[in-house]
Amino acid sequence: NRTANIALLNYIDGEKRYILCPDNLKIGDTIICSQNAEVKYGNAMPLSIIPIGLPIHNIELKIGKGAQLAR
């Protein structure tokens, strides 16, 4: 059985995708996937720039392959 919560993202270009929902993500929140993203829950960025101690989830081993670790 799978019990993870999912979130439906609405991209600026109109595309919609589901992701595993990070803790503390609320309806209406804006999340960003970028090396320049603010460090906050839901944003995606390379592990090398995430501060030590910040909770993480959905780690991709290869870019674009999807989450493979810490799901």
Protein backbone atom coordinates (compact mmCIF):
# COMPACT_ATOMS: atom_id res chain seq x y z
CA ASN A 1 0.00 0.00 0.00
CA ARG A 2 1.08 3.55 -0.68
CA THR A 3 0.21 6.24 1.80
CA ALA A 4 2.10 9.32 0.60
CA ASN A 5 0.15 12.53 0.08
CA ILE A 6 0.29 13.98 -3.41
CA ALA A 7 0.02 17.56 -4.66
CA LEU A 8 -1.20 18.78 -8.04
CA LEU A 9 1.07 21.49 -9.43
CA ASN A 10 -0.18 24.06 -11.93
CA TYR A 11 2.74 25.36 -13.98
CA ILE A 12 2.81 28.86 -15.48
CA ASP A 13 2.57 27.39 -19.00
CA GLY A 14 -0.67 25.58 -18.08
CA GLU A 15 0.85 22.12 -17.60
CA LYS A 16 -0.29 20.16 -14.56
CA ARG A 17 1.67 17.43 -12.76
CA TYR A 18 1.42 15.48 -9.53
CA ILE A 19 4.30 15.30 -7.06
CA LEU A 20 4.77 13.71 -3.66
CA CYS A 21 3.63 16.44 -1.30
CA PRO A 22 6.32 17.83 0.99
CA ASP A 23 5.40 18.51 4.62
CA ASN A 24 4.04 22.00 5.30
CA LEU A 25 2.99 22.61 1.66
CA LYS A 26 -0.37 24.38 1.63
CA ILE A 27 -2.94 25.04 -1.10
CA GLY A 28 -1.90 28.15 -3.01
CA ASP A 29 1.81 27.92 -2.13
CA THR A 30 4.28 28.65 -4.91
CA ILE A 31 7.26 26.32 -5.26
CA ILE A 32 10.31 26.70 -7.47
CA CYS A 33 12.78 24.26 -9.02
CA SER A 34 16.05 26.16 -9.53
CA GLN A 35 19.61 26.52 -8.32
CA ASN A 36 18.59 30.04 -7.29
CA ALA A 37 15.44 29.00 -5.41
CA GLU A 38 14.88 30.27 -1.89
CA VAL A 39 15.56 27.61 0.74
CA LYS A 40 12.03 26.70 1.86
CA TYR A 41 9.79 23.64 2.04
CA GLY A 42 8.71 22.43 -1.38
CA ASN A 43 11.38 24.14 -3.47
CA ALA A 44 13.71 21.88 -5.46
CA MET A 45 17.44 22.51 -5.76
CA PRO A 46 20.74 20.62 -5.98
CA LEU A 47 21.78 18.83 -2.78
CA SER A 48 25.05 20.76 -2.79
CA ILE A 49 23.28 24.04 -1.93
CA ILE A 50 20.80 22.71 0.65
CA PRO A 51 21.91 23.68 4.17
CA ILE A 52 22.86 20.89 6.56
CA GLY A 53 19.95 19.91 8.79
CA LEU A 54 17.15 20.89 6.38
CA PRO A 55 14.71 18.00 5.80
CA ILE A 56 14.83 16.63 2.24
CA HIS A 57 12.77 14.22 0.15
CA ASN A 58 12.52 13.03 -3.46
CA ILE A 59 16.16 12.78 -4.46
CA GLU A 60 16.87 12.21 -8.17
CA LEU A 61 19.99 10.21 -8.97
CA LYS A 62 19.88 11.35 -12.60
CA ILE A 63 18.33 14.63 -13.73
CA GLY A 64 14.84 14.13 -15.14
CA LYS A 65 14.53 10.51 -14.00
CA GLY A 66 12.29 11.33 -11.04
CA ALA A 67 12.67 10.69 -7.34
CA GLN A 68 14.54 7.53 -6.45
CA LEU A 69 15.70 8.11 -2.87
CA ALA A 70 13.99 9.44 0.26
CA ARG A 71 10.51 9.14 -1.14
